[in-house]
Protein backbone atom coordinates (compact mmCIF):
# COMPACT_ATOMS: atom_id res chain seq x y z
CA MET A 1 115.31 84.25 170.88
CA THR A 2 118.52 83.83 168.89
CA ALA A 3 118.86 81.38 166.01
CA SER A 4 121.46 79.38 167.93
CA ARG A 5 119.09 78.99 170.92
CA ILE A 6 116.31 77.85 168.58
CA ARG A 7 118.61 75.23 167.04
CA THR A 8 119.62 74.08 170.54
CA LEU A 9 116.00 73.70 171.64
CA ILE A 10 115.12 71.80 168.46
CA ALA A 11 118.04 69.45 169.03
CA LEU A 12 116.95 68.82 172.63
CA LEU A 13 113.37 68.18 171.51
CA VAL A 14 114.58 65.64 168.93
CA LEU A 15 116.62 63.81 171.54
CA ILE A 16 113.72 63.77 174.03
CA LEU A 17 111.24 62.52 171.45
CA GLY A 18 113.70 59.92 170.23
CA GLY A 19 114.28 58.77 173.80
CA ILE A 20 110.59 58.06 174.40
CA GLY A 21 110.29 56.21 171.13
CA ILE A 22 108.07 58.38 168.91
CA VAL A 23 108.27 56.81 165.47
CA ALA A 24 108.68 58.27 162.03
CA SER A 25 106.65 56.24 159.59
CA ALA A 26 104.46 57.26 156.68
CA ASP A 27 102.15 54.29 157.26
CA GLY A 28 101.25 54.73 160.91
CA PRO A 29 102.95 53.73 164.13
CA LEU A 30 104.52 50.49 162.86
CA PRO A 31 106.90 49.75 161.32
CA GLY A 32 108.88 52.58 162.79
CA THR A 33 112.15 54.14 163.75
CA ALA A 34 113.25 56.40 166.55
CA LEU A 35 113.72 60.00 165.47
CA VAL A 36 117.47 59.66 165.99
CA PRO A 37 119.86 56.70 165.82
CA PRO A 38 122.12 55.94 168.76
CA ARG A 39 125.51 57.60 168.98
CA PRO A 40 128.42 57.80 171.43
CA PRO A 41 128.57 60.76 173.84
CA ILE A 42 130.28 63.85 172.42
CA SER A 43 133.12 63.29 174.90
CA GLU A 44 133.87 59.99 173.15
CA ALA A 45 134.24 61.51 169.68
CA ILE A 46 137.36 60.51 167.79
CA PRO A 47 139.10 62.24 164.87
CA PRO A 48 138.95 60.64 161.41
CA VAL A 49 141.81 58.35 160.41
CA ALA A 50 143.60 58.61 157.08
CA VAL A 51 143.17 55.86 154.50
CA ALA A 52 145.75 53.13 154.95
CA THR A 53 148.27 51.95 152.39
CA PRO A 54 146.61 49.20 150.32
CA GLN A 55 147.36 45.65 151.39
CA ILE A 56 148.24 43.04 148.77
CA GLN A 57 146.24 39.83 149.04
CA ASN A 58 145.29 36.98 146.75
CA LEU A 59 141.72 38.11 146.18
CA PRO A 60 139.38 38.10 143.18
CA PRO A 61 137.74 41.35 142.02
CA LEU A 62 135.51 42.49 144.89
CA LYS A 63 132.37 44.63 144.96
CA ALA A 64 130.70 46.66 147.71
CA VAL A 65 127.28 48.29 148.05
CA LEU A 66 127.05 51.19 150.53
CA ILE A 67 123.69 52.58 151.69
CA VAL A 68 122.94 55.69 153.73
CA GLY A 69 119.31 56.27 154.67
CA PRO A 70 117.65 59.59 155.59
CA ILE A 71 118.08 60.35 159.28
CA ASP A 72 117.12 64.04 159.56
CA GLY A 73 116.05 64.37 155.94
CA ASP A 74 118.08 63.78 152.80
CA TYR A 75 120.55 66.57 153.51
CA GLY A 76 120.23 67.23 157.25
CA GLY A 77 123.31 67.57 159.42
CA TRP A 78 123.17 64.04 160.83
CA THR A 79 122.47 62.46 157.45
CA THR A 80 125.36 64.40 155.95
CA GLU A 81 127.62 63.24 158.78
CA GLU A 82 126.74 59.60 158.13
CA LYS A 83 127.40 60.03 154.42
CA GLU A 84 130.85 61.32 155.36
CA ASN A 85 131.37 58.38 157.72
CA MET A 86 130.39 55.98 154.95
CA ASP A 87 132.79 57.73 152.60
CA LEU A 88 135.60 56.84 155.02
CA ALA A 89 134.77 53.17 154.49
CA ALA A 90 134.36 53.70 150.75
CA ALA A 91 137.82 55.23 150.48
CA GLU A 92 139.34 52.31 152.41
CA LEU A 93 137.60 49.80 150.15
CA GLU A 94 138.61 51.61 146.97
CA ALA A 95 142.22 51.85 148.14
CA ASN A 96 142.17 48.05 148.24
CA GLY A 97 140.77 47.71 144.73
CA VAL A 98 137.12 47.13 145.65
CA THR A 99 134.48 48.46 143.24
CA VAL A 100 132.09 50.59 145.31
CA HIS A 101 128.45 51.39 144.51
CA ARG A 102 126.98 54.22 146.64
CA PHE A 103 123.27 54.58 147.38
CA TYR A 104 123.07 57.66 149.57
CA THR A 105 119.66 59.19 150.22
CA PRO A 106 117.72 60.42 148.29
CA ASN A 107 119.10 57.83 145.80
CA ASN A 108 117.76 54.83 147.75
CA ASP A 109 115.71 52.86 145.24
CA TRP A 110 115.53 49.30 146.56
CA GLY A 111 115.34 47.80 143.09
CA GLN A 112 118.55 49.52 142.05
CA ILE A 113 120.23 48.51 145.30
CA THR A 114 119.37 44.84 144.87
CA GLN A 115 120.54 44.90 141.27
CA ALA A 116 123.90 46.38 142.25
CA ALA A 117 124.18 43.96 145.18
CA GLU A 118 124.13 40.87 142.93
CA GLY A 119 127.32 39.09 143.90
CA ALA A 120 128.47 41.90 146.23
CA HIS A 121 131.11 40.95 148.79
CA PHE A 122 130.39 43.86 151.15
CA LEU A 123 127.07 45.44 152.14
CA PHE A 124 127.17 48.47 154.48
CA TYR A 125 124.26 50.50 155.85
CA ARG A 126 124.09 53.63 158.01
CA GLY A 127 120.72 55.03 159.02
CA HIS A 128 117.69 54.30 161.16
CA GLY A 129 117.15 50.84 162.55
CA VAL A 130 113.62 49.54 162.05
CA TYR A 131 111.24 47.92 164.53
CA TRP A 132 108.05 46.10 163.55
CA SER A 133 106.33 45.57 166.91
CA SER A 134 106.11 47.51 170.14
CA PRO A 135 109.05 47.95 172.55
CA PRO A 136 110.54 46.93 174.93
CA HIS A 137 110.98 43.61 173.06
CA PRO A 138 110.29 44.62 169.47
CA THR A 139 110.68 42.60 166.32
CA VAL A 140 113.59 44.33 164.56
CA GLY A 141 115.39 44.25 161.25
CA GLY A 142 115.71 45.91 157.86
CA PHE A 143 116.58 49.27 156.35
CA SER A 144 114.87 52.66 156.45
CA LEU A 145 115.29 54.04 152.93
CA LYS A 146 113.83 57.04 151.17
CA GLY A 147 110.09 56.32 151.22
CA HIS A 148 110.49 52.60 151.90
CA MET A 149 110.99 50.41 154.96
CA VAL A 150 112.82 47.26 153.86
CA SER A 151 111.88 44.22 155.92
CA SER A 152 114.00 41.23 156.86
CA ASP A 153 111.92 39.07 154.53
CA GLU A 154 112.62 41.44 151.64
CA ILE A 155 116.33 41.11 152.39
CA ARG A 156 116.00 37.32 152.28
CA GLN A 157 114.03 37.42 149.06
CA ASP A 158 115.75 40.21 147.11
CA LEU A 159 119.41 40.27 148.13
CA HIS A 160 121.75 37.89 146.30
CA LEU A 161 125.13 38.69 147.78
CA ALA A 162 128.34 36.83 147.10
CA SER A 163 128.83 33.73 149.18
CA ASN A 164 130.44 34.67 152.54
CA ALA A 165 129.69 38.39 152.19
CA ILE A 166 130.57 40.87 154.94
CA VAL A 167 127.76 43.07 156.33
CA MET A 168 128.22 46.21 158.47
CA LEU A 169 125.29 48.15 159.95
CA TYR A 170 124.83 51.27 162.03
CA GLY A 171 121.42 52.08 163.47
CA CYS A 172 119.08 51.40 166.36
CA PHE A 173 118.98 47.75 167.49
CA THR A 174 121.76 46.63 165.13
CA ALA A 175 124.24 46.29 168.02
CA GLY A 176 121.59 45.87 170.72
CA THR A 177 120.67 49.17 172.38
CA SER A 178 118.58 51.82 170.60
CA SER A 179 117.86 55.47 171.25
CA ILE A 180 114.37 54.58 172.50
CA ASP A 181 115.96 52.68 175.40
CA SER A 182 116.55 54.67 178.57
CA THR A 183 117.85 51.82 180.75
CA ASP A 184 120.05 48.75 180.42
CA ILE A 185 118.14 46.33 178.16
CA GLY A 186 120.10 43.35 179.50
CA ILE A 187 122.35 40.90 177.74
CA GLU A 188 119.61 38.50 176.64
CA GLU A 189 117.56 41.24 174.99
CA ALA A 190 120.70 42.60 173.32
CA ARG A 191 121.52 39.10 172.05
CA ARG A 192 117.98 38.62 170.75
CA ARG A 193 118.02 41.93 168.86
CA VAL A 194 121.42 41.40 167.26
CA ALA A 195 120.52 37.84 166.32
CA GLN A 196 117.26 39.00 164.76
CA TYR A 197 118.85 41.90 162.89
CA SER A 198 121.65 39.76 161.49
CA ASP A 199 119.56 36.66 160.72
CA PRO A 200 118.41 37.55 157.16
CA PHE A 201 121.97 38.24 156.06
CA PHE A 202 123.16 34.87 157.30
CA ASP A 203 120.13 33.28 155.66
CA VAL A 204 121.42 34.56 152.29
CA GLY A 205 124.95 33.28 152.91
CA ALA A 206 126.87 36.08 154.67
CA ALA A 207 129.87 35.13 156.81
CA GLY A 208 130.32 38.24 158.95
CA TYR A 209 128.12 40.91 160.59
CA TYR A 210 129.50 44.01 162.33
CA ALA A 211 127.53 46.74 164.11
CA ASP A 212 129.05 49.70 165.95
CA TRP A 213 128.08 53.28 166.80
CA PHE A 214 131.34 55.07 166.02
CA GLY A 215 131.64 56.87 162.71
CA ASP A 216 134.94 55.36 161.60
CA SER A 217 134.19 51.80 162.71
CA PHE A 218 133.39 50.52 159.20
CA GLN A 219 136.59 52.07 157.85
CA MET A 220 138.69 50.44 160.54
CA PHE A 221 137.02 47.04 160.29
CA VAL A 222 137.74 47.11 156.55
CA ARG A 223 141.35 48.11 157.19
CA TYR A 224 141.92 45.26 159.61
CA LEU A 225 140.32 42.74 157.26
CA PHE A 226 142.54 43.82 154.37
CA GLN A 227 145.55 43.58 156.64
CA GLY A 228 144.82 39.87 156.74
CA LYS A 229 143.25 39.71 160.18
CA THR A 230 140.51 37.19 160.82
CA LEU A 231 136.95 38.45 161.12
CA GLY A 232 137.14 38.03 164.88
CA LYS A 233 140.52 39.77 165.22
CA ALA A 234 139.26 42.68 163.10
CA TYR A 235 136.45 43.16 165.61
CA GLU A 236 138.81 42.88 168.56
CA SER A 237 141.34 45.30 167.03
CA TYR A 238 138.96 48.27 167.02
CA PHE A 239 139.50 50.63 169.97
CA ASP A 240 135.86 50.30 171.11
CA PHE A 241 136.38 46.61 171.93
CA ASN A 242 136.91 45.79 175.61
CA PRO A 243 137.90 42.21 176.52
CA SER A 244 136.62 42.72 180.06
CA THR A 245 133.07 43.64 178.98
CA VAL A 246 132.53 41.57 175.83
CA TYR A 247 130.01 38.74 176.04
CA ARG A 248 130.74 35.76 173.80
CA THR A 249 127.98 33.39 172.80
CA ILE A 250 126.64 31.67 169.69
CA HIS A 251 124.01 32.85 167.24
CA PRO A 252 120.71 31.28 168.32
CA ASP A 253 119.49 30.83 164.73
CA HIS A 254 122.84 29.86 163.17
CA THR A 255 124.59 27.78 165.78
CA GLN A 256 127.75 27.40 163.69
CA LEU A 257 128.33 31.15 164.06
CA ALA A 258 129.72 33.18 166.94
CA LEU A 259 127.83 36.15 168.38
CA TRP A 260 129.79 38.67 170.46
CA LEU A 261 128.31 41.67 172.26
CA ASP A 262 130.24 44.55 173.80
CA LYS A 263 128.97 47.55 175.77
CA ASP A 264 129.90 50.90 177.32
CA TYR A 265 128.61 52.55 180.48
CA TRP A 266 127.21 55.76 179.04
CA GLY A 267 124.51 58.04 180.42
CA GLY A 268 124.25 56.13 183.69
CA TYR A 269 123.57 52.64 182.28
CA TRP A 270 125.12 49.95 180.07
CA GLN A 271 124.56 50.42 176.34
CA TYR A 272 125.23 47.59 173.88
CA ASN A 273 126.91 49.37 171.01
CA ASN A 274 129.49 47.06 169.42
CA ALA A 275 128.55 43.64 168.03
CA PHE A 276 129.97 40.92 165.83
CA ALA A 277 128.43 37.73 164.51
CA GLY A 278 129.82 35.23 162.04
CA LEU A 279 132.86 33.05 161.42
CA PRO A 280 135.57 34.58 163.62
CA ASP A 281 138.47 32.46 162.34
CA GLU A 282 138.04 33.19 158.63
CA THR A 283 139.91 35.83 156.61
CA LEU A 284 139.04 37.61 153.38
CA GLU A 285 141.39 35.26 151.58
CA SER A 286 139.75 32.15 153.00
CA LEU A 287 136.23 33.51 152.37
CA PHE A 288 136.85 34.94 148.91
CA THR A 289 139.30 32.44 147.41
CA PRO A 290 139.62 33.33 143.72
CA PRO A 291 138.01 30.98 141.20
CA ALA A 292 140.44 28.63 139.48
CA LEU A 293 139.98 26.39 136.47
CA GLY A 294 141.06 22.83 137.18
CA ASN A 295 140.48 19.14 136.43
CA VAL A 296 141.55 19.80 132.83
CA PRO A 297 144.39 17.64 131.43
CA ASP A 298 147.50 19.09 129.81
CA ALA A 299 147.52 16.40 127.10
CA LEU A 300 145.37 13.60 125.72
CA SER A 301 146.27 10.93 123.20
CA PHE A 302 144.52 8.40 120.98
CA THR A 303 145.89 5.31 119.18
CA TYR A 304 144.46 3.65 116.08
CA SER A 305 145.61 0.06 115.30
CA ILE A 306 145.61 -0.59 111.55
CA PRO A 307 145.54 -4.42 111.82
CA ASP A 308 142.83 -4.39 114.52
CA ARG A 309 140.93 -1.50 112.96
CA GLN A 310 140.37 -0.22 116.47
CA LEU A 311 140.58 3.25 118.02
CA LEU A 312 141.47 3.50 121.68
CA PRO A 313 139.85 5.31 123.32
CA THR A 314 136.98 6.15 121.01
CA ALA A 315 136.60 9.53 122.79
CA HIS A 316 137.85 11.51 125.78
CA ARG A 317 135.51 13.28 128.18
CA VAL A 318 136.77 16.31 130.10
CA THR A 319 134.95 17.89 133.06
CA PRO A 320 136.24 21.39 133.91
CA LEU A 321 135.80 22.31 137.57
CA ASN A 322 136.26 25.34 139.79
CA VAL A 323 139.00 24.19 142.16
CA GLY A 324 139.27 27.61 143.83
CA ASN A 325 135.83 28.26 145.27
CA SER A 326 132.19 27.29 144.88
CA ASP A 327 131.31 29.67 142.03
CA SER A 328 130.08 28.24 138.75
CA LEU A 329 132.44 28.81 135.80
CA ASN A 330 131.15 29.58 132.33
CA TRP A 331 133.56 28.20 129.74
CA SER A 332 134.00 28.08 125.97
CA LEU A 333 136.22 25.98 123.70
CA THR A 334 138.36 26.67 120.65
CA ARG A 335 139.79 23.91 118.43
CA ALA A 336 143.09 23.61 116.55
CA GLY A 337 142.96 20.67 114.12
CA ASN A 338 140.39 19.17 111.76
CA TRP A 339 140.70 15.45 112.52
CA PHE A 340 138.43 15.52 115.58
CA THR A 341 135.23 17.09 116.85
CA VAL A 342 134.51 18.63 120.23
CA ALA A 343 131.07 19.12 121.78
CA PRO A 344 129.59 21.08 123.34
CA THR A 345 131.71 24.11 122.57
CA GLY A 346 130.54 25.98 125.66
CA SER A 347 128.77 25.39 128.97
CA SER A 348 129.14 25.84 132.74
CA THR A 349 130.78 23.77 135.45
CA PRO A 350 130.35 20.92 136.18
CA ALA A 351 129.25 20.08 132.61
CA SER A 352 131.62 17.94 130.51
CA PHE A 353 132.69 18.04 126.88
CA GLY A 354 133.81 15.25 124.59
CA ILE A 355 136.71 15.02 122.11
CA THR A 356 136.17 12.45 119.36
CA PRO A 357 138.53 11.61 116.41
CA THR A 358 136.42 11.59 113.24
CA THR A 359 138.50 12.36 110.14
CA PHE A 360 141.86 10.64 109.78
CA ALA A 361 143.50 8.10 107.44
CA THR A 362 143.13 4.60 108.86
CA GLY A 363 145.51 2.81 106.52
CA THR A 364 148.68 4.90 106.73
CA VAL A 365 151.07 5.15 109.63
CA ARG A 366 150.96 8.75 110.76
CA THR A 367 150.77 11.04 113.81
CA TYR A 368 148.14 13.74 114.03
CA THR A 369 148.38 16.66 116.46
CA GLY A 370 145.97 19.35 117.58
CA ALA A 371 144.63 21.13 120.63
CA VAL A 372 141.53 22.24 122.48
CA THR A 373 141.71 25.42 124.56
CA VAL A 374 139.33 25.90 127.49
CA THR A 375 138.63 29.56 128.33
CA VAL A 376 136.55 30.72 131.28
CA THR A 377 134.30 33.53 130.08
CA SER A 378 133.05 34.37 133.60
CA PRO A 379 133.86 35.16 136.30
CA ALA A 380 136.64 37.39 135.08
CA GLY A 381 140.14 36.77 136.32
CA THR A 382 139.73 33.04 136.90
CA ALA A 383 143.12 31.47 137.56
CA GLY A 384 144.30 28.82 135.12
CA SER A 385 142.32 30.20 132.20
CA PRO A 386 142.82 29.75 129.30
CA HIS A 387 144.10 26.18 129.47
CA ARG A 388 145.40 24.33 126.39
CA ILE A 389 144.96 20.56 126.02
CA GLY A 390 147.49 19.11 123.58
CA LEU A 391 146.04 16.29 121.43
CA THR A 392 147.85 13.44 119.67
CA LEU A 393 146.51 10.62 117.46
CA ARG A 394 148.95 7.88 116.41
CA VAL A 395 147.97 5.57 113.57
CA ALA A 396 150.14 2.48 114.17
CA ASN A 397 150.70 -0.66 112.12
CA ALA A 398 150.61 -2.91 115.18
CA PRO A 399 147.98 -4.79 117.17
CA VAL A 400 146.37 -3.06 120.09
CA THR A 401 148.29 -5.23 122.57
CA PHE A 402 151.59 -3.85 121.26
CA VAL A 403 150.77 -0.16 121.16
CA HIS A 404 150.92 2.24 124.08
CA LEU A 405 147.76 2.95 125.92
CA PRO A 406 146.43 6.53 125.62
CA LEU A 407 148.31 9.08 127.68
CA ILE A 408 146.48 11.35 130.07
CA LEU A 409 148.44 14.07 131.82
CA ARG A 410 146.51 16.17 134.34
CA ASN A 411 147.47 19.50 135.73
């Protein structure tokens, strides 16, 4: 028997075993994965698309974590193909200025992944889907990594993504149908699976979930998003979307979110292979509005009345806020002038600081000037930082009723 015939027979055996649902798990039958993920028929294969010209948008620095699990070993042909497919998405992200962290098998340590995913705006996975109870209506969710099955509860507990993160998954059950299904699973079962697979990501604050079987789908979804399309339009712009077959509903566990399921008639039955869940009307700009320092005045003034021996006001309190998004801002202060104190000299929003005149001549008409500069130390690139507050203290030989009240100018 020739080597090519042996490879052909092995490939057929893998497909047959995958179709009847034999699982690959080091700990017994469950949790498990099919031996092969789902994929479109060979006749539906499409050539790779070149990376697009970067789009300019008002976005903060963005971060992505990309994971490829072992499918046919760490370096098998299918695993290698999915690494290449993920690289298409990585190139598209990097062309748009996103910092990309790759965790391709065998470099799949969950601890390192969760550390890199702190504050990540994109989380992509290609590999086996995981089921935790017996088909045909299994409990599904999680990642199949090198030597570790990550559960939905681990995702909820360990992943701390950026608010409104975008998640894209390829694997069994992620879009509905799996390779252990040999008939149409029906729309309700497809909805249940996609809802269950996406649920932990929405529990940790994600805004969008995409799942599709084609190799360039992540790349193209990213492209459409960076072109300024809404999350829903990005899904509908991909060639695999069919308005005549898509089923639109809501997420059963997050009723403020849409859940859309699309399918193709492959192999003699309907296969649910293209799903979206999330906030369809949002864009990257609306989801990832850059942080901005605000609620800080441009100038503050004090007046001291010599005859009344009175300082008005005795102090000013300033409360820096993030007027761009919901992130907390860490800020620090620098002072120019020695006639006042400022405290504290650093904190995080929405904490306040006070400016208090302490050392000035109370018997001589004079004007004192100075400044306090508020600088956001993190996150980097916060708009409006640093911000200078000009300070003025007038010592006036007039009663309080005849002097101007303190001036407050806000930006």
